[in-house]
PDB file of N, CA and C in Angstrom:
ATOM      1  N   UNK A   1       9.981  40.449 -78.247  1.00  0.00           N
ATOM      2  CA  UNK A   1      10.395  41.189 -77.120  1.00  0.00           C
ATOM      3  C   UNK A   1       9.113  41.088 -76.034  1.00  0.00           C
ATOM      4  N   UNK A   2       8.109  41.195 -76.579  1.00  0.00           N
ATOM      5  CA  UNK A   2       6.700  41.142 -75.786  1.00  0.00           C
ATOM      6  C   UNK A   2       6.587  39.488 -75.375  1.00  0.00           C
ATOM      7  N   UNK A   3       6.942  38.747 -76.291  1.00  0.00           N
ATOM      8  CA  UNK A   3       7.061  37.428 -75.900  1.00  0.00           C
ATOM      9  C   UNK A   3       7.962  36.961 -74.703  1.00  0.00           C
ATOM     10  N   UNK A   4       9.012  37.663 -74.829  1.00  0.00           N
ATOM     11  CA  UNK A   4      10.029  37.559 -73.854  1.00  0.00           C
ATOM     12  C   UNK A   4       9.485  37.986 -72.236  1.00  0.00           C
ATOM     13  N   UNK A   5       8.946  39.103 -72.468  1.00  0.00           N
ATOM     14  CA  UNK A   5       8.383  39.628 -71.182  1.00  0.00           C
ATOM     15  C   UNK A   5       7.384  38.795 -70.630  1.00  0.00           C
ATOM     16  N   UNK A   6       6.603  38.391 -71.557  1.00  0.00           N
ATOM     17  CA  UNK A   6       5.342  37.614 -71.127  1.00  0.00           C
ATOM     18  C   UNK A   6       5.931  36.304 -70.751  1.00  0.00           C
ATOM     19  N   UNK A   7       7.027  35.883 -71.185  1.00  0.00           N
ATOM     20  CA  UNK A   7       7.473  34.584 -70.702  1.00  0.00           C
ATOM     21  C   UNK A   7       8.351  34.635 -69.455  1.00  0.00           C
ATOM     22  N   UNK A   8       8.992  35.772 -69.084  1.00  0.00           N
ATOM     23  CA  UNK A   8       9.711  36.269 -67.992  1.00  0.00           C
ATOM     24  C   UNK A   8       8.571  36.409 -66.696  1.00  0.00           C
ATOM     25  N   UNK A   9       7.311  37.124 -67.254  1.00  0.00           N
ATOM     26  CA  UNK A   9       6.476  37.295 -66.160  1.00  0.00           C
ATOM     27  C   UNK A   9       5.771  35.962 -65.882  1.00  0.00           C
ATOM     28  N   UNK A  10       5.605  35.133 -66.800  1.00  0.00           N
ATOM     29  CA  UNK A  10       4.904  33.605 -66.360  1.00  0.00           C
ATOM     30  C   UNK A  10       6.024  33.052 -65.667  1.00  0.00           C
ATOM     31  N   UNK A  11       7.243  32.998 -65.989  1.00  0.00           N
ATOM     32  CA  UNK A  11       8.302  32.320 -65.061  1.00  0.00           C
ATOM     33  C   UNK A  11       8.379  32.770 -63.703  1.00  0.00           C
ATOM     34  N   UNK A  12       8.292  34.280 -63.785  1.00  0.00           N
ATOM     35  CA  UNK A  12       8.159  34.674 -62.203  1.00  0.00           C
ATOM     36  C   UNK A  12       7.089  34.395 -61.642  1.00  0.00           C
ATOM     37  N   UNK A  13       5.777  34.442 -62.044  1.00  0.00           N
ATOM     38  CA  UNK A  13       4.612  33.892 -61.486  1.00  0.00           C
ATOM     39  C   UNK A  13       4.757  32.362 -61.225  1.00  0.00           C
ATOM     40  N   UNK A  14       5.094  31.634 -62.068  1.00  0.00           N
ATOM     41  CA  UNK A  14       5.441  30.203 -61.684  1.00  0.00           C
ATOM     42  C   UNK A  14       6.388  30.021 -60.499  1.00  0.00           C
ATOM     43  N   UNK A  15       7.351  30.877 -60.401  1.00  0.00           N
ATOM     44  CA  UNK A  15       8.493  30.619 -59.322  1.00  0.00           C
ATOM     45  C   UNK A  15       7.600  31.180 -57.888  1.00  0.00           C
ATOM     46  N   UNK A  16       6.836  32.218 -58.239  1.00  0.00           N
ATOM     47  CA  UNK A  16       6.231  32.607 -57.029  1.00  0.00           C
ATOM     48  C   UNK A  16       5.053  31.669 -56.452  1.00  0.00           C
ATOM     49  N   UNK A  17       4.510  31.099 -57.566  1.00  0.00           N
ATOM     50  CA  UNK A  17       3.355  30.109 -57.084  1.00  0.00           C
ATOM     51  C   UNK A  17       4.089  28.798 -56.472  1.00  0.00           C
ATOM     52  N   UNK A  18       5.096  28.473 -57.021  1.00  0.00           N
ATOM     53  CA  UNK A  18       6.019  27.233 -56.440  1.00  0.00           C
ATOM     54  C   UNK A  18       6.518  27.674 -55.200  1.00  0.00           C
ATOM     55  N   UNK A  19       7.153  28.807 -54.938  1.00  0.00           N
ATOM     56  CA  UNK A  19       7.501  29.294 -53.539  1.00  0.00           C
ATOM     57  C   UNK A  19       6.399  29.377 -52.612  1.00  0.00           C
ATOM     58  N   UNK A  20       5.051  29.736 -52.947  1.00  0.00           N
ATOM     59  CA  UNK A  20       3.929  29.687 -52.231  1.00  0.00           C
ATOM     60  C   UNK A  20       3.702  28.258 -51.931  1.00  0.00           C
ATOM     61  N   UNK A  21       3.496  27.405 -52.833  1.00  0.00           N
ATOM     62  CA  UNK A  21       3.299  26.003 -52.878  1.00  0.00           C
ATOM     63  C   UNK A  21       4.046  25.201 -51.840  1.00  0.00           C
ATOM     64  N   UNK A  22       5.416  25.789 -51.980  1.00  0.00           N
ATOM     65  CA  UNK A  22       6.512  25.044 -50.887  1.00  0.00           C
ATOM     66  C   UNK A  22       6.188  25.473 -49.657  1.00  0.00           C
ATOM     67  N   UNK A  23       5.867  26.749 -49.369  1.00  0.00           N
ATOM     68  CA  UNK A  23       5.452  27.337 -48.126  1.00  0.00           C
ATOM     69  C   UNK A  23       4.348  26.668 -47.323  1.00  0.00           C
ATOM     70  N   UNK A  24       3.305  26.628 -48.357  1.00  0.00           N
ATOM     71  CA  UNK A  24       2.161  26.030 -47.900  1.00  0.00           C
ATOM     72  C   UNK A  24       2.445  24.445 -47.649  1.00  0.00           C
ATOM     73  N   UNK A  25       3.168  23.721 -48.407  1.00  0.00           N
ATOM     74  CA  UNK A  25       3.632  22.282 -47.925  1.00  0.00           C
ATOM     75  C   UNK A  25       4.279  22.253 -46.693  1.00  0.00           C
ATOM     76  N   UNK A  26       5.316  23.311 -46.617  1.00  0.00           N
ATOM     77  CA  UNK A  26       6.041  23.452 -45.404  1.00  0.00           C
ATOM     78  C   UNK A  26       5.034  23.609 -44.139  1.00  0.00           C
ATOM     79  N   UNK A  27       4.190  24.545 -44.283  1.00  0.00           N
ATOM     80  CA  UNK A  27       3.161  24.913 -43.320  1.00  0.00           C
ATOM     81  C   UNK A  27       2.435  23.537 -42.759  1.00  0.00           C
ATOM     82  N   UNK A  28       1.932  22.925 -43.848  1.00  0.00           N
ATOM     83  CA  UNK A  28       1.074  21.557 -43.717  1.00  0.00           C
ATOM     84  C   UNK A  28       1.661  20.758 -43.180  1.00  0.00           C
ATOM     85  N   UNK A  29       3.011  20.430 -43.381  1.00  0.00           N
ATOM     86  CA  UNK A  29       3.684  19.601 -42.954  1.00  0.00           C
ATOM     87  C   UNK A  29       4.159  19.898 -41.293  1.00  0.00           C
ATOM     88  N   UNK A  30       4.326  21.196 -41.244  1.00  0.00           N
ATOM     89  CA  UNK A  30       4.349  21.506 -39.616  1.00  0.00           C
ATOM     90  C   UNK A  30       3.342  21.232 -38.922  1.00  0.00           C
ATOM     91  N   UNK A  31       2.063  21.715 -39.487  1.00  0.00           N
ATOM     92  CA  UNK A  31       1.033  21.587 -38.743  1.00  0.00           C
ATOM     93  C   UNK A  31       0.574  20.102 -38.462  1.00  0.00           C
ATOM     94  N   UNK A  32       0.973  19.212 -39.448  1.00  0.00           N
ATOM     95  CA  UNK A  32       0.895  17.887 -39.357  1.00  0.00           C
ATOM     96  C   UNK A  32       1.437  17.406 -38.072  1.00  0.00           C
ATOM     97  N   UNK A  33       2.762  17.734 -38.115  1.00  0.00           N
ATOM     98  CA  UNK A  33       3.628  17.184 -37.254  1.00  0.00           C
ATOM     99  C   UNK A  33       3.024  17.868 -35.642  1.00  0.00           C
ATOM    100  N   UNK A  34       2.606  19.119 -35.633  1.00  0.00           N
ATOM    101  CA  UNK A  34       2.075  19.628 -34.268  1.00  0.00           C
ATOM    102  C   UNK A  34       0.729  18.753 -33.717  1.00  0.00           C
ATOM    103  N   UNK A  35       0.094  18.450 -34.811  1.00  0.00           N
ATOM    104  CA  UNK A  35      -1.203  17.862 -34.729  1.00  0.00           C
ATOM    105  C   UNK A  35      -0.509  16.429 -34.093  1.00  0.00           C
ATOM    106  N   UNK A  36       0.252  15.604 -34.653  1.00  0.00           N
ATOM    107  CA  UNK A  36       0.667  14.352 -34.116  1.00  0.00           C
ATOM    108  C   UNK A  36       1.272  14.483 -32.853  1.00  0.00           C
ATOM    109  N   UNK A  37       2.103  15.623 -32.487  1.00  0.00           N
ATOM    110  CA  UNK A  37       2.475  15.858 -31.233  1.00  0.00           C
ATOM    111  C   UNK A  37       1.518  16.126 -30.363  1.00  0.00           C
ATOM    112  N   UNK A  38       0.475  16.734 -30.780  1.00  0.00           N
ATOM    113  CA  UNK A  38      -0.597  17.132 -29.832  1.00  0.00           C
ATOM    114  C   UNK A  38      -1.566  15.894 -29.434  1.00  0.00           C
ATOM    115  N   UNK A  39      -1.704  14.847 -30.556  1.00  0.00           N
ATOM    116  CA  UNK A  39      -2.167  13.542 -30.302  1.00  0.00           C
ATOM    117  C   UNK A  39      -1.482  12.780 -29.397  1.00  0.00           C
ATOM    118  N   UNK A  40      -0.106  12.783 -29.506  1.00  0.00           N
ATOM    119  CA  UNK A  40       0.726  12.126 -28.552  1.00  0.00           C
ATOM    120  C   UNK A  40       0.631  12.658 -27.159  1.00  0.00           C
ATOM    121  N   UNK A  41       0.494  13.852 -27.024  1.00  0.00           N
ATOM    122  CA  UNK A  41       0.457  14.446 -25.648  1.00  0.00           C
ATOM    123  C   UNK A  41      -0.860  14.083 -25.014  1.00  0.00           C
ATOM    124  N   UNK A  42      -1.898  14.204 -25.878  1.00  0.00           N
ATOM    125  CA  UNK A  42      -3.186  13.705 -25.557  1.00  0.00           C
ATOM    126  C   UNK A  42      -3.409  12.148 -24.967  1.00  0.00           C
ATOM    127  N   UNK A  43      -2.522  11.549 -25.684  1.00  0.00           N
ATOM    128  CA  UNK A  43      -2.484  10.001 -25.326  1.00  0.00           C
ATOM    129  C   UNK A  43      -1.707   9.684 -24.043  1.00  0.00           C
ATOM    130  N   UNK A  44      -0.618  10.576 -24.116  1.00  0.00           N
ATOM    131  CA  UNK A  44       0.166  10.357 -22.836  1.00  0.00           C
ATOM    132  C   UNK A  44      -0.548  10.958 -21.583  1.00  0.00           C
ATOM    133  N   UNK A  45      -1.324  12.056 -21.753  1.00  0.00           N
ATOM    134  CA  UNK A  45      -2.161  12.682 -20.640  1.00  0.00           C
ATOM    135  C   UNK A  45      -3.248  11.619 -20.021  1.00  0.00           C
ATOM    136  N   UNK A  46      -3.808  11.029 -21.153  1.00  0.00           N
ATOM    137  CA  UNK A  46      -4.711   9.913 -20.786  1.00  0.00           C
ATOM    138  C   UNK A  46      -4.043   8.727 -20.136  1.00  0.00           C
ATOM    139  N   UNK A  47      -2.862   8.426 -20.544  1.00  0.00           N
ATOM    140  CA  UNK A  47      -2.269   7.230 -19.812  1.00  0.00           C
ATOM    141  C   UNK A  47      -1.887   7.646 -18.408  1.00  0.00           C
ATOM    142  N   UNK A  48      -1.254   9.030 -18.316  1.00  0.00           N
ATOM    143  CA  UNK A  48      -1.081   9.428 -16.828  1.00  0.00           C
ATOM    144  C   UNK A  48      -2.396   9.495 -15.869  1.00  0.00           C
ATOM    145  N   UNK A  49      -3.449   9.996 -16.509  1.00  0.00           N
ATOM    146  CA  UNK A  49      -4.586  10.077 -15.575  1.00  0.00           C
ATOM    147  C   UNK A  49      -4.950   8.556 -15.458  1.00  0.00           C
ATOM    148  N   UNK A  50      -4.977   7.696 -16.405  1.00  0.00           N
ATOM    149  CA  UNK A  50      -5.408   6.243 -15.979  1.00  0.00           C
ATOM    150  C   UNK A  50      -4.431   5.744 -14.781  1.00  0.00           C
ATOM    151  N   UNK A  51      -3.130   5.884 -14.970  1.00  0.00           N
ATOM    152  CA  UNK A  51      -2.128   5.486 -13.912  1.00  0.00           C
ATOM    153  C   UNK A  51      -2.495   6.219 -12.544  1.00  0.00           C
ATOM    154  N   UNK A  52      -2.716   7.423 -12.603  1.00  0.00           N
ATOM    155  CA  UNK A  52      -3.246   8.212 -11.417  1.00  0.00           C
ATOM    156  C   UNK A  52      -4.299   7.610 -10.789  1.00  0.00           C
ATOM    157  N   UNK A  53      -5.532   7.397 -11.606  1.00  0.00           N
ATOM    158  CA  UNK A  53      -6.539   6.582 -11.120  1.00  0.00           C
ATOM    159  C   UNK A  53      -6.281   5.261 -10.472  1.00  0.00           C
ATOM    160  N   UNK A  54      -5.479   4.581 -11.143  1.00  0.00           N
ATOM    161  CA  UNK A  54      -4.967   2.933 -10.488  1.00  0.00           C
ATOM    162  C   UNK A  54      -4.303   3.361  -9.176  1.00  0.00           C
ATOM    163  N   UNK A  55      -3.392   4.480  -9.303  1.00  0.00           N
ATOM    164  CA  UNK A  55      -2.525   4.640  -7.973  1.00  0.00           C
ATOM    165  C   UNK A  55      -3.669   4.983  -6.884  1.00  0.00           C
ATOM    166  N   UNK A  56      -4.436   5.908  -7.199  1.00  0.00           N
ATOM    167  CA  UNK A  56      -5.431   6.196  -6.233  1.00  0.00           C
ATOM    168  C   UNK A  56      -6.287   5.246  -5.796  1.00  0.00           C
ATOM    169  N   UNK A  57      -6.770   4.144  -6.680  1.00  0.00           N
ATOM    170  CA  UNK A  57      -7.547   3.049  -6.248  1.00  0.00           C
ATOM    171  C   UNK A  57      -6.450   1.983  -5.521  1.00  0.00           C
ATOM    172  N   UNK A  58      -5.297   1.950  -5.746  1.00  0.00           N
ATOM    173  CA  UNK A  58      -4.511   1.202  -4.767  1.00  0.00           C
ATOM    174  C   UNK A  58      -4.215   1.608  -3.443  1.00  0.00           C
ATOM    175  N   UNK A  59      -4.045   3.017  -3.270  1.00  0.00           N
ATOM    176  CA  UNK A  59      -4.022   3.813  -2.215  1.00  0.00           C
ATOM    177  C   UNK A  59      -5.075   3.645  -1.349  1.00  0.00           C
ATOM    178  N   UNK A  60      -6.320   3.686  -1.926  1.00  0.00           N
ATOM    179  CA  UNK A  60      -7.632   3.333  -1.234  1.00  0.00           C
ATOM    180  C   UNK A  60      -7.561   1.935  -0.548  1.00  0.00           C
ATOM    181  N   UNK A  61      -7.315   0.911  -1.492  1.00  0.00           N
ATOM    182  CA  UNK A  61      -7.248  -0.352  -0.974  1.00  0.00           C
ATOM    183  C   UNK A  61      -6.245  -0.637  -0.043  1.00  0.00           C
ATOM    184  N   UNK A  62      -5.114  -0.013  -0.169  1.00  0.00           N
ATOM    185  CA  UNK A  62      -3.920  -0.029   0.811  1.00  0.00           C
ATOM    186  C   UNK A  62      -4.479   0.574   2.226  1.00  0.00           C
ATOM    187  N   UNK A  63      -5.321   1.728   2.227  1.00  0.00           N
ATOM    188  CA  UNK A  63      -5.623   2.355   3.257  1.00  0.00           C
ATOM    189  C   UNK A  63      -6.699   1.374   3.977  1.00  0.00           C
ATOM    190  N   UNK A  64      -7.750   0.793   3.318  1.00  0.00           N
ATOM    191  CA  UNK A  64      -8.606  -0.051   3.941  1.00  0.00           C
ATOM    192  C   UNK A  64      -7.910  -1.253   4.519  1.00  0.00           C
ATOM    193  N   UNK A  65      -7.057  -1.797   3.820  1.00  0.00           N
ATOM    194  CA  UNK A  65      -6.224  -3.008   4.389  1.00  0.00           C
ATOM    195  C   UNK A  65      -5.479  -2.762   5.764  1.00  0.00           C
ATOM    196  N   UNK A  66      -4.923  -1.483   5.764  1.00  0.00           N
ATOM    197  CA  UNK A  66      -4.103  -0.868   7.113  1.00  0.00           C
ATOM    198  C   UNK A  66      -5.294  -0.989   7.981  1.00  0.00           C
ATOM    199  N   UNK A  67      -6.457  -0.251   7.755  1.00  0.00           N
ATOM    200  CA  UNK A  67      -7.584  -0.057   8.815  1.00  0.00           C
ATOM    201  C   UNK A  67      -7.873  -1.434   9.191  1.00  0.00           C
ATOM    202  N   UNK A  68      -8.196  -2.431   8.508  1.00  0.00           N
ATOM    203  CA  UNK A  68      -8.708  -3.656   8.722  1.00  0.00           C
ATOM    204  C   UNK A  68      -7.667  -4.329   9.520  1.00  0.00           C
ATOM    205  N   UNK A  69      -6.478  -4.261   9.162  1.00  0.00           N
ATOM    206  CA  UNK A  69      -5.334  -4.762  10.112  1.00  0.00           C
ATOM    207  C   UNK A  69      -5.254  -4.225  11.383  1.00  0.00           C
ATOM    208  N   UNK A  70      -5.466  -3.018  11.442  1.00  0.00           N
ATOM    209  CA  UNK A  70      -5.391  -2.274  12.713  1.00  0.00           C
ATOM    210  C   UNK A  70      -6.469  -2.592  13.756  1.00  0.00           C
ATOM    211  N   UNK A  71      -7.628  -2.778  13.098  1.00  0.00           N
ATOM    212  CA  UNK A  71      -8.905  -3.334  13.786  1.00  0.00           C
ATOM    213  C   UNK A  71      -8.531  -4.829  14.224  1.00  0.00           C
ATOM    214  N   UNK A  72      -8.110  -5.611  13.409  1.00  0.00           N
ATOM    215  CA  UNK A  72      -7.782  -6.977  13.702  1.00  0.00           C
ATOM    216  C   UNK A  72      -6.626  -7.207  14.789  1.00  0.00           C
ATOM    217  N   UNK A  73      -5.672  -6.213  14.699  1.00  0.00           N
ATOM    218  CA  UNK A  73      -4.789  -5.914  15.757  1.00  0.00           C
ATOM    219  C   UNK A  73      -5.311  -5.802  17.037  1.00  0.00           C
ATOM    220  N   UNK A  74      -6.211  -4.867  17.043  1.00  0.00           N
ATOM    221  CA  UNK A  74      -6.726  -4.450  18.478  1.00  0.00           C
ATOM    222  C   UNK A  74      -7.745  -5.621  18.935  1.00  0.00           C
ATOM    223  N   UNK A  75      -8.244  -6.366  18.155  1.00  0.00           N
ATOM    224  CA  UNK A  75      -9.059  -7.385  18.613  1.00  0.00           C
ATOM    225  C   UNK A  75      -8.089  -8.536  19.207  1.00  0.00           C
ATOM    226  N   UNK A  76      -7.226  -8.623  18.325  1.00  0.00           N
ATOM    227  CA  UNK A  76      -6.059  -9.966  18.735  1.00  0.00           C
ATOM    228  C   UNK A  76      -5.372  -9.444  20.089  1.00  0.00           C
ATOM    229  N   UNK A  77      -4.896  -8.075  20.305  1.00  0.00           N
ATOM    230  CA  UNK A  77      -4.520  -7.639  21.249  1.00  0.00           C
ATOM    231  C   UNK A  77      -5.347  -7.896  22.479  1.00  0.00           C
ATOM    232  N   UNK A  78      -6.532  -7.586  22.473  1.00  0.00           N
ATOM    233  CA  UNK A  78      -7.678  -7.596  23.620  1.00  0.00           C
ATOM    234  C   UNK A  78      -7.781  -9.080  23.900  1.00  0.00           C
ATOM    235  N   UNK A  79      -7.695  -9.945  22.848  1.00  0.00           N
ATOM    236  CA  UNK A  79      -8.026 -11.564  23.083  1.00  0.00           C
ATOM    237  C   UNK A  79      -6.768 -11.940  23.772  1.00  0.00           C
ATOM    238  N   UNK A  80      -5.748 -11.618  23.554  1.00  0.00           N
ATOM    239  CA  UNK A  80      -4.270 -12.019  24.124  1.00  0.00           C
ATOM    240  C   UNK A  80      -4.252 -11.522  25.446  1.00  0.00           C
ATOM    241  N   UNK A  81      -4.600 -10.315  25.748  1.00  0.00           N
ATOM    242  CA  UNK A  81      -4.640  -9.720  27.144  1.00  0.00           C
ATOM    243  C   UNK A  81      -5.537 -10.697  27.973  1.00  0.00           C
ATOM    244  N   UNK A  82      -6.897 -10.878  27.354  1.00  0.00           N
ATOM    245  CA  UNK A  82      -7.840 -11.744  28.182  1.00  0.00           C
ATOM    246  C   UNK A  82      -7.250 -13.177  28.448  1.00  0.00           C
ATOM    247  N   UNK A  83      -6.555 -13.803  27.391  1.00  0.00           N
ATOM    248  CA  UNK A  83      -5.907 -15.208  27.456  1.00  0.00           C
ATOM    249  C   UNK A  83      -4.815 -15.011  28.575  1.00  0.00           C
ATOM    250  N   UNK A  84      -4.161 -14.016  28.629  1.00  0.00           N
ATOM    251  CA  UNK A  84      -2.883 -13.824  29.584  1.00  0.00           C
ATOM    252  C   UNK A  84      -3.505 -13.746  31.028  1.00  0.00           C
ATOM    253  N   UNK A  85      -4.667 -12.860  31.149  1.00  0.00           N
ATOM    254  CA  UNK A  85      -5.444 -12.854  32.248  1.00  0.00           C
ATOM    255  C   UNK A  85      -5.840 -13.809  32.887  1.00  0.00           C
ATOM    256  N   UNK A  86      -6.499 -14.766  32.084  1.00  0.00           N
ATOM    257  CA  UNK A  86      -7.169 -16.104  32.290  1.00  0.00           C
ATOM    258  C   UNK A  86      -6.063 -17.099  32.793  1.00  0.00           C
ATOM    259  N   UNK A  87      -4.935 -16.884  31.965  1.00  0.00           N
ATOM    260  CA  UNK A  87      -3.829 -17.841  32.436  1.00  0.00           C
ATOM    261  C   UNK A  87      -3.148 -17.436  33.719  1.00  0.00           C
ATOM    262  N   UNK A  88      -3.089 -16.146  33.723  1.00  0.00           N
ATOM    263  CA  UNK A  88      -2.503 -15.610  35.105  1.00  0.00           C
ATOM    264  C   UNK A  88      -3.248 -16.081  36.330  1.00  0.00           C
ATOM    265  N   UNK A  89      -4.651 -16.055  36.238  1.00  0.00           N
ATOM    266  CA  UNK A  89      -5.284 -16.414  37.193  1.00  0.00           C
ATOM    267  C   UNK A  89      -5.340 -17.980  37.405  1.00  0.00           C
ATOM    268  N   UNK A  90      -5.395 -18.651  36.489  1.00  0.00           N
ATOM    269  CA  UNK A  90      -5.303 -19.984  36.464  1.00  0.00           C
ATOM    270  C   UNK A  90      -3.760 -20.504  37.103  1.00  0.00           C
ATOM    271  N   UNK A  91      -2.729 -19.799  36.790  1.00  0.00           N
ATOM    272  CA  UNK A  91      -1.593 -20.037  37.279  1.00  0.00           C
ATOM    273  C   UNK A  91      -1.492 -19.655  38.639  1.00  0.00           C
ATOM    274  N   UNK A  92      -2.206 -18.708  39.097  1.00  0.00           N
ATOM    275  CA  UNK A  92      -2.143 -18.177  40.543  1.00  0.00           C
ATOM    276  C   UNK A  92      -3.052 -19.237  41.280  1.00  0.00           C
ATOM    277  N   UNK A  93      -4.073 -19.803  40.815  1.00  0.00           N
ATOM    278  CA  UNK A  93      -4.927 -20.843  41.339  1.00  0.00           C
ATOM    279  C   UNK A  93      -3.984 -22.259  41.730  1.00  0.00           C
ATOM    280  N   UNK A  94      -3.568 -22.413  40.587  1.00  0.00           N
ATOM    281  CA  UNK A  94      -2.637 -23.778  40.607  1.00  0.00           C
ATOM    282  C   UNK A  94      -1.566 -23.507  41.561  1.00  0.00           C
ATOM    283  N   UNK A  95      -0.894 -22.488  41.391  1.00  0.00           N
ATOM    284  CA  UNK A  95       0.163 -22.237  42.551  1.00  0.00           C
ATOM    285  C   UNK A  95      -0.389 -22.257  43.956  1.00  0.00           C
ATOM    286  N   UNK A  96      -1.448 -21.729  44.137  1.00  0.00           N
ATOM    287  CA  UNK A  96      -2.167 -21.667  45.453  1.00  0.00           C
ATOM    288  C   UNK A  96      -2.642 -23.067  45.958  1.00  0.00           C
ATOM    289  N   UNK A  97      -3.008 -23.888  44.989  1.00  0.00           N
ATOM    290  CA  UNK A  97      -3.399 -25.306  45.320  1.00  0.00           C
ATOM    291  C   UNK A  97      -2.144 -26.093  45.776  1.00  0.00           C
ATOM    292  N   UNK A  98      -1.050 -25.780  44.931  1.00  0.00           N
ATOM    293  CA  UNK A  98       0.008 -26.515  45.110  1.00  0.00           C
ATOM    294  C   UNK A  98       0.678 -26.255  46.516  1.00  0.00           C
ATOM    295  N   UNK A  99       0.633 -24.807  46.811  1.00  0.00           N
ATOM    296  CA  UNK A  99       1.196 -24.654  48.316  1.00  0.00           C
ATOM    297  C   UNK A  99       0.437 -25.013  49.293  1.00  0.00           C
ATOM    298  N   UNK A 100      -0.985 -25.117  49.061  1.00  0.00           N
ATOM    299  CA  UNK A 100      -1.928 -25.561  50.089  1.00  0.00           C
ATOM    300  C   UNK A 100      -1.747 -27.110  50.376  1.00  0.00           C
ATOM    301  N   UNK A 101      -1.554 -27.543  49.197  1.00  0.00           N
ATOM    302  CA  UNK A 101      -1.326 -28.970  49.388  1.00  0.00           C
ATOM    303  C   UNK A 101       0.041 -29.437  50.141  1.00  0.00           C
ATOM    304  N   UNK A 102       1.063 -28.533  49.668  1.00  0.00           N
ATOM    305  CA  UNK A 102       2.379 -28.712  50.401  1.00  0.00           C
ATOM    306  C   UNK A 102       2.311 -28.464  51.863  1.00  0.00           C
ATOM    307  N   UNK A 103       1.385 -27.456  52.214  1.00  0.00           N
ATOM    308  CA  UNK A 103       1.362 -26.996  53.524  1.00  0.00           C
ATOM    309  C   UNK A 103       0.678 -28.122  54.306  1.00  0.00           C
ATOM    310  N   UNK A 104      -0.470 -28.768  53.734  1.00  0.00           N
ATOM    311  CA  UNK A 104      -1.096 -29.887  54.338  1.00  0.00           C
ATOM    312  C   UNK A 104      -0.123 -31.112  54.493  1.00  0.00           C
ATOM    313  N   UNK A 105       0.654 -31.238  53.611  1.00  0.00           N
ATOM    314  CA  UNK A 105       1.725 -32.499  53.391  1.00  0.00           C
ATOM    315  C   UNK A 105       2.538 -32.108  54.745  1.00  0.00           C
ATOM    316  N   UNK A 106       3.018 -30.834  54.975  1.00  0.00           N
ATOM    317  CA  UNK A 106       4.018 -30.494  55.893  1.00  0.00           C
ATOM    318  C   UNK A 106       3.355 -30.668  57.301  1.00  0.00           C
ATOM    319  N   UNK A 107       2.093 -30.245  57.337  1.00  0.00           N
ATOM    320  CA  UNK A 107       1.280 -30.403  58.502  1.00  0.00           C
ATOM    321  C   UNK A 107       1.222 -31.895  59.086  1.00  0.00           C
ATOM    322  N   UNK A 108       0.886 -32.600  58.180  1.00  0.00           N
ATOM    323  CA  UNK A 108       0.617 -34.017  58.207  1.00  0.00           C
ATOM    324  C   UNK A 108       1.770 -34.751  58.730  1.00  0.00           C
ATOM    325  N   UNK A 109       3.042 -34.097  58.374  1.00  0.00           N
ATOM    326  CA  UNK A 109       4.312 -34.665  58.667  1.00  0.00           C
ATOM    327  C   UNK A 109       4.715 -34.323  60.150  1.00  0.00           C
ATOM    328  N   UNK A 110       4.437 -32.961  60.376  1.00  0.00           N
ATOM    329  CA  UNK A 110       4.637 -32.383  61.636  1.00  0.00           C
ATOM    330  C   UNK A 110       3.709 -33.314  62.649  1.00  0.00           C
ATOM    331  N   UNK A 111       2.535 -33.484  62.263  1.00  0.00           N
ATOM    332  CA  UNK A 111       1.844 -34.327  63.172  1.00  0.00           C
ATOM    333  C   UNK A 111       2.184 -35.622  63.459  1.00  0.00           C
ATOM    334  N   UNK A 112       2.804 -36.248  62.412  1.00  0.00           N
ATOM    335  CA  UNK A 112       3.224 -37.603  62.535  1.00  0.00           C
ATOM    336  C   UNK A 112       4.520 -37.613  63.458  1.00  0.00           C
ATOM    337  N   UNK A 113       5.379 -36.644  63.252  1.00  0.00           N
ATOM    338  CA  UNK A 113       6.454 -36.433  63.908  1.00  0.00           C
ATOM    339  C   UNK A 113       6.393 -36.186  65.640  1.00  0.00           C
ATOM    340  N   UNK A 114       5.374 -35.305  65.648  1.00  0.00           N
ATOM    341  CA  UNK A 114       5.034 -35.141  67.143  1.00  0.00           C
ATOM    342  C   UNK A 114       4.302 -36.295  67.670  1.00  0.00           C
ATOM    343  N   UNK A 115       3.654 -37.134  67.113  1.00  0.00           N
ATOM    344  CA  UNK A 115       3.008 -38.453  67.566  1.00  0.00           C
ATOM    345  C   UNK A 115       4.333 -39.416  67.844  1.00  0.00           C
ATOM    346  N   UNK A 116       5.379 -39.447  66.849  1.00  0.00           N
ATOM    347  CA  UNK A 116       6.500 -40.275  66.969  1.00  0.00           C
ATOM    348  C   UNK A 116       7.146 -39.764  68.168  1.00  0.00           C
ATOM    349  N   UNK A 117       7.307 -38.766  68.313  1.00  0.00           N
ATOM    350  CA  UNK A 117       7.948 -37.967  69.634  1.00  0.00           C
ATOM    351  C   UNK A 117       7.277 -38.276  70.831  1.00  0.00           C
ATOM    352  N   UNK A 118       6.103 -38.280  70.894  1.00  0.00           N
ATOM    353  CA  UNK A 118       5.404 -38.448  72.294  1.00  0.00           C
ATOM    354  C   UNK A 118       5.248 -39.810  72.603  1.00  0.00           C
ATOM    355  N   UNK A 119       5.392 -40.682  71.213  1.00  0.00           N
ATOM    356  CA  UNK A 119       5.436 -42.078  71.697  1.00  0.00           C
ATOM    357  C   UNK A 119       6.919 -42.715  72.236  1.00  0.00           C
ATOM    358  N   UNK A 120       7.958 -41.815  71.725  1.00  0.00           N
ATOM    359  CA  UNK A 120       9.156 -42.022  72.132  1.00  0.00           C
ATOM    360  C   UNK A 120       9.456 -41.528  73.576  1.00  0.00           C
ATOM    361  N   UNK A 121       8.925 -40.292  73.933  1.00  0.00           N
ATOM    362  CA  UNK A 121       8.961 -40.068  75.334  1.00  0.00           C
ATOM    363  C   UNK A 121       7.937 -40.587  76.331  1.00  0.00           C
ATOM    364  N   UNK A 122       7.140 -41.221  75.985  1.00  0.00           N
ATOM    365  CA  UNK A 122       6.309 -41.899  76.887  1.00  0.00           C
ATOM    366  C   UNK A 122       6.701 -43.068  77.231  1.00  0.00           C
TER     367      UNK A 122
END
């Protein structure tokens, strides 16, 4: 009888230890899964930070490009205004020369016609 009790106690002890081992294994597996999840989150966070850094660099470059384009646009606009002003002056001068030449031609024609008229009347 005493052997039976000892055996029962031993079996109970084995079941307890097996249950504890099973619980420890489950907790270990759970911790391992949590550690893996934590590592995955850390890696994802590092990837997001790298992406944010690249995005910030691209934004900075884009802002610099826009700034340069605006400066260039301003310079080109100033150059275009100067060219238009110069062309306008040149056009006005050419137009004035044309009309002065035309006026001279008409004066010459009037003079010739007056001479012809005076020759005919005399």
